[in-house]
């Protein structure tokens, strides 16, 4: 197994560890979870770059890398939903898009076609990673220093939901764009 694929597997292992760290309460658990999430997000950035640079692109990587990404972002959404920081509708939108895109990606793979990622998909991924880290950072500040104690309506849950709705909108746009592009590359009649 090459290095990019090992990094993908590491991300898959880190996803449930991250979720566990978010759920179990101990001092600075949000900060520890943030660090684990950030390391996992870095592996997401590195595995593709290393694979392309060293000509190590594999079928395993093409199929499993997106699954590892979805495991990580789903773990964050589930943790945030449990904390009251994420609307269930955001989770539904994100998961629906991911299932739809993954289905099209699998159909394309079976037909020997690779549908290129688009700008909106990259914007969605970056927003998910950055906003997740930002929300966890604010959660740790709120837990340690009562960051939102004197802001009334402006709570961590509201800030988190606003950020995640931005991601949900990007998710819808990227999903629609991907599906439209997919119609150009694959034969849905097979």
Protein backbone atom coordinates (compact mmCIF):
# COMPACT_ATOMS: atom_id res chain seq x y z
CA UNK A 1 0.00 0.00 0.00
CA UNK A 2 1.47 3.33 -1.04
CA UNK A 3 1.76 6.44 1.17
CA UNK A 4 -1.31 8.27 -0.20
CA UNK A 5 -3.48 5.22 0.47
CA UNK A 6 -2.01 4.85 3.97
CA UNK A 7 -2.94 8.49 4.65
CA UNK A 8 -6.49 7.76 3.49
CA UNK A 9 -6.71 4.79 5.85
CA UNK A 10 -5.35 6.95 8.70
CA UNK A 11 -8.16 9.45 8.03
CA UNK A 12 -10.71 6.62 8.20
CA UNK A 13 -9.28 5.56 11.58
CA UNK A 14 -9.18 9.13 12.89
CA UNK A 15 -12.86 9.82 12.08
CA UNK A 16 -14.35 7.63 14.86
CA UNK A 17 -11.54 8.67 17.24
CA UNK A 18 -12.49 12.30 16.62
CA UNK A 19 -16.18 11.52 17.29
CA UNK A 20 -15.28 9.71 20.51
CA UNK A 21 -13.20 12.68 21.68
CA UNK A 22 -16.11 15.02 20.99
CA UNK A 23 -18.57 12.87 22.94
CA UNK A 24 -16.48 12.01 26.00
CA UNK A 25 -16.15 14.98 28.30
CA UNK A 26 -12.76 15.69 29.83
CA UNK A 27 -10.76 18.91 30.20
CA UNK A 28 -9.97 20.43 26.81
CA UNK A 29 -11.70 17.62 24.90
CA UNK A 30 -12.80 20.05 22.19
CA UNK A 31 -9.20 21.13 21.69
CA UNK A 32 -7.96 17.53 21.53
CA UNK A 33 -10.76 16.67 19.07
CA UNK A 34 -9.83 19.76 17.04
CA UNK A 35 -6.22 18.58 16.79
CA UNK A 36 -7.30 15.09 15.67
CA UNK A 37 -9.70 16.59 13.12
CA UNK A 38 -6.99 18.97 11.84
CA UNK A 39 -4.53 16.09 11.41
CA UNK A 40 -7.18 14.13 9.51
CA UNK A 41 -7.95 17.17 7.34
CA UNK A 42 -4.23 17.53 6.57
CA UNK A 43 -4.12 13.90 5.41
CA UNK A 44 -6.98 14.78 3.04
CA UNK A 45 -4.91 17.57 1.55
CA UNK A 46 -1.71 15.53 1.36
CA UNK A 47 -2.85 12.19 -0.01
CA UNK A 48 -4.06 13.53 -3.35
CA UNK A 49 -1.06 15.82 -3.82
CA UNK A 50 1.40 13.02 -3.07
CA UNK A 51 -0.47 10.58 -5.33
CA UNK A 52 -0.44 13.01 -8.27
CA UNK A 53 3.15 14.14 -7.73
CA UNK A 54 4.55 10.60 -7.47
CA UNK A 55 2.21 9.04 -10.03
CA UNK A 56 0.69 6.84 -7.31
CA UNK A 57 -2.98 7.23 -8.22
CA UNK A 58 -4.74 3.93 -7.58
CA UNK A 59 -8.25 2.56 -7.91
CA UNK A 60 -8.26 2.10 -4.14
CA UNK A 61 -7.43 5.77 -3.64
CA UNK A 62 -10.02 6.96 -6.15
CA UNK A 63 -12.78 4.98 -4.44
CA UNK A 64 -11.78 5.06 -0.77
CA UNK A 65 -10.50 8.66 -0.47
CA UNK A 66 -13.99 10.19 -0.90
CA UNK A 67 -15.39 7.68 1.61
CA UNK A 68 -12.74 8.68 4.16
CA UNK A 69 -13.66 12.34 3.60
CA UNK A 70 -17.33 11.59 4.15
CA UNK A 71 -16.57 9.61 7.31
CA UNK A 72 -14.68 12.56 8.75
CA UNK A 73 -17.22 15.25 7.85
CA UNK A 74 -20.13 13.04 8.94
CA UNK A 75 -18.44 12.45 12.30
CA UNK A 76 -18.20 16.22 12.76
CA UNK A 77 -21.84 16.79 11.80
CA UNK A 78 -23.02 14.04 14.15
CA UNK A 79 -20.98 15.44 17.03
CA UNK A 80 -22.25 18.94 16.34
CA UNK A 81 -25.84 17.72 16.12
CA UNK A 82 -25.50 15.99 19.49
CA UNK A 83 -24.11 19.22 20.98
CA UNK A 84 -27.01 21.23 19.52
CA UNK A 85 -24.73 23.12 17.12
CA UNK A 86 -26.11 21.68 13.86
CA UNK A 87 -29.61 21.44 12.45
CA UNK A 88 -30.72 17.97 11.45
CA UNK A 89 -31.63 19.47 8.04
CA UNK A 90 -28.00 20.39 7.43
CA UNK A 91 -27.03 16.77 8.09
CA UNK A 92 -29.79 15.57 5.75
CA UNK A 93 -28.72 17.93 2.96
CA UNK A 94 -25.04 17.03 3.25
CA UNK A 95 -25.64 13.27 3.43
CA UNK A 96 -28.13 13.31 0.54
CA UNK A 97 -25.60 15.12 -1.64
CA UNK A 98 -22.83 12.74 -0.62
CA UNK A 99 -24.91 9.63 -1.40
CA UNK A 100 -25.97 11.07 -4.77
CA UNK A 101 -22.45 12.08 -5.79
CA UNK A 102 -20.95 8.81 -4.56
CA UNK A 103 -23.54 6.86 -6.57
CA UNK A 104 -22.70 8.80 -9.74
CA UNK A 105 -18.98 8.40 -9.02
CA UNK A 106 -19.43 4.60 -8.71
CA UNK A 107 -21.43 4.42 -11.95
CA UNK A 108 -18.73 6.44 -13.69
CA UNK A 109 -16.02 4.18 -12.27
CA UNK A 110 -17.78 1.05 -13.52
CA UNK A 111 -17.98 2.66 -16.97
CA UNK A 112 -14.28 3.56 -16.82
CA UNK A 113 -14.94 7.30 -16.60
CA UNK A 114 -13.52 9.77 -14.10
CA UNK A 115 -15.65 12.85 -13.51
CA UNK A 116 -13.34 15.68 -12.52
CA UNK A 117 -13.89 17.55 -9.28
CA UNK A 118 -15.22 21.05 -9.73
CA UNK A 119 -14.61 24.35 -8.00
CA UNK A 120 -17.83 24.10 -5.97
CA UNK A 121 -16.88 20.70 -4.60
CA UNK A 122 -13.53 22.03 -3.48
CA UNK A 123 -15.19 25.11 -1.93
CA UNK A 124 -17.61 22.81 -0.08
CA UNK A 125 -14.79 20.66 1.27
CA UNK A 126 -12.69 23.64 2.35
CA UNK A 127 -15.69 25.26 4.06
CA UNK A 128 -16.52 22.02 5.88
CA UNK A 129 -12.98 21.60 7.15
CA UNK A 130 -12.36 25.25 8.05
CA UNK A 131 -15.77 25.80 9.67
CA UNK A 132 -15.50 22.56 11.65
CA UNK A 133 -12.14 23.62 13.05
CA UNK A 134 -13.43 27.13 13.77
CA UNK A 135 -16.54 25.81 15.55
CA UNK A 136 -14.45 23.48 17.73
CA UNK A 137 -12.05 26.31 18.54
CA UNK A 138 -14.97 28.53 19.57
CA UNK A 139 -16.43 25.63 21.60
CA UNK A 140 -13.19 25.27 23.52
CA UNK A 141 -13.04 29.03 24.12
CA UNK A 142 -16.66 28.99 25.27
CA UNK A 143 -16.03 26.07 27.61
CA UNK A 144 -12.84 27.58 29.02
CA UNK A 145 -13.70 31.29 29.05
CA UNK A 146 -17.49 31.53 28.52
CA UNK A 147 -16.91 33.19 25.15
CA UNK A 148 -20.61 33.54 24.35
CA UNK A 149 -21.87 34.21 27.90
CA UNK A 150 -22.67 37.89 27.40
CA UNK A 151 -23.83 37.93 23.78
CA UNK A 152 -27.52 37.07 24.22
CA UNK A 153 -28.83 35.82 20.86
CA UNK A 154 -25.29 35.34 19.56
CA UNK A 155 -24.65 31.80 20.90
CA UNK A 156 -22.26 29.10 19.80
CA UNK A 157 -25.21 27.08 18.46
CA UNK A 158 -26.39 29.98 16.28
CA UNK A 159 -22.91 30.83 14.99
CA UNK A 160 -22.26 27.16 14.26
CA UNK A 161 -25.55 26.75 12.41
CA UNK A 162 -24.93 29.88 10.33
CA UNK A 163 -21.51 28.56 9.27
CA UNK A 164 -22.88 25.10 8.58
CA UNK A 165 -25.78 26.48 6.52
CA UNK A 166 -23.17 28.17 4.33
CA UNK A 167 -21.57 24.77 3.88
CA UNK A 168 -24.98 23.21 3.19
CA UNK A 169 -25.64 25.75 0.42
CA UNK A 170 -22.21 25.05 -1.10
CA UNK A 171 -23.00 21.34 -0.77
CA UNK A 172 -26.20 21.70 -2.79
CA UNK A 173 -24.53 23.83 -5.48
CA UNK A 174 -21.57 21.44 -5.76
CA UNK A 175 -23.85 18.41 -5.87
CA UNK A 176 -26.05 19.84 -8.62
CA UNK A 177 -22.97 20.90 -10.59
CA UNK A 178 -21.41 17.44 -10.20
CA UNK A 179 -24.60 15.67 -11.30
CA UNK A 180 -24.97 17.93 -14.35
CA UNK A 181 -21.33 17.30 -15.31
CA UNK A 182 -21.86 13.58 -14.70
CA UNK A 183 -24.58 13.49 -17.36
CA UNK A 184 -21.95 14.64 -19.89
CA UNK A 185 -19.52 11.84 -19.04
CA UNK A 186 -21.52 8.71 -18.29
CA UNK A 187 -24.33 6.76 -19.89
CA UNK A 188 -27.21 6.45 -17.42
CA UNK A 189 -29.08 4.02 -19.69
CA UNK A 190 -26.67 1.15 -18.92
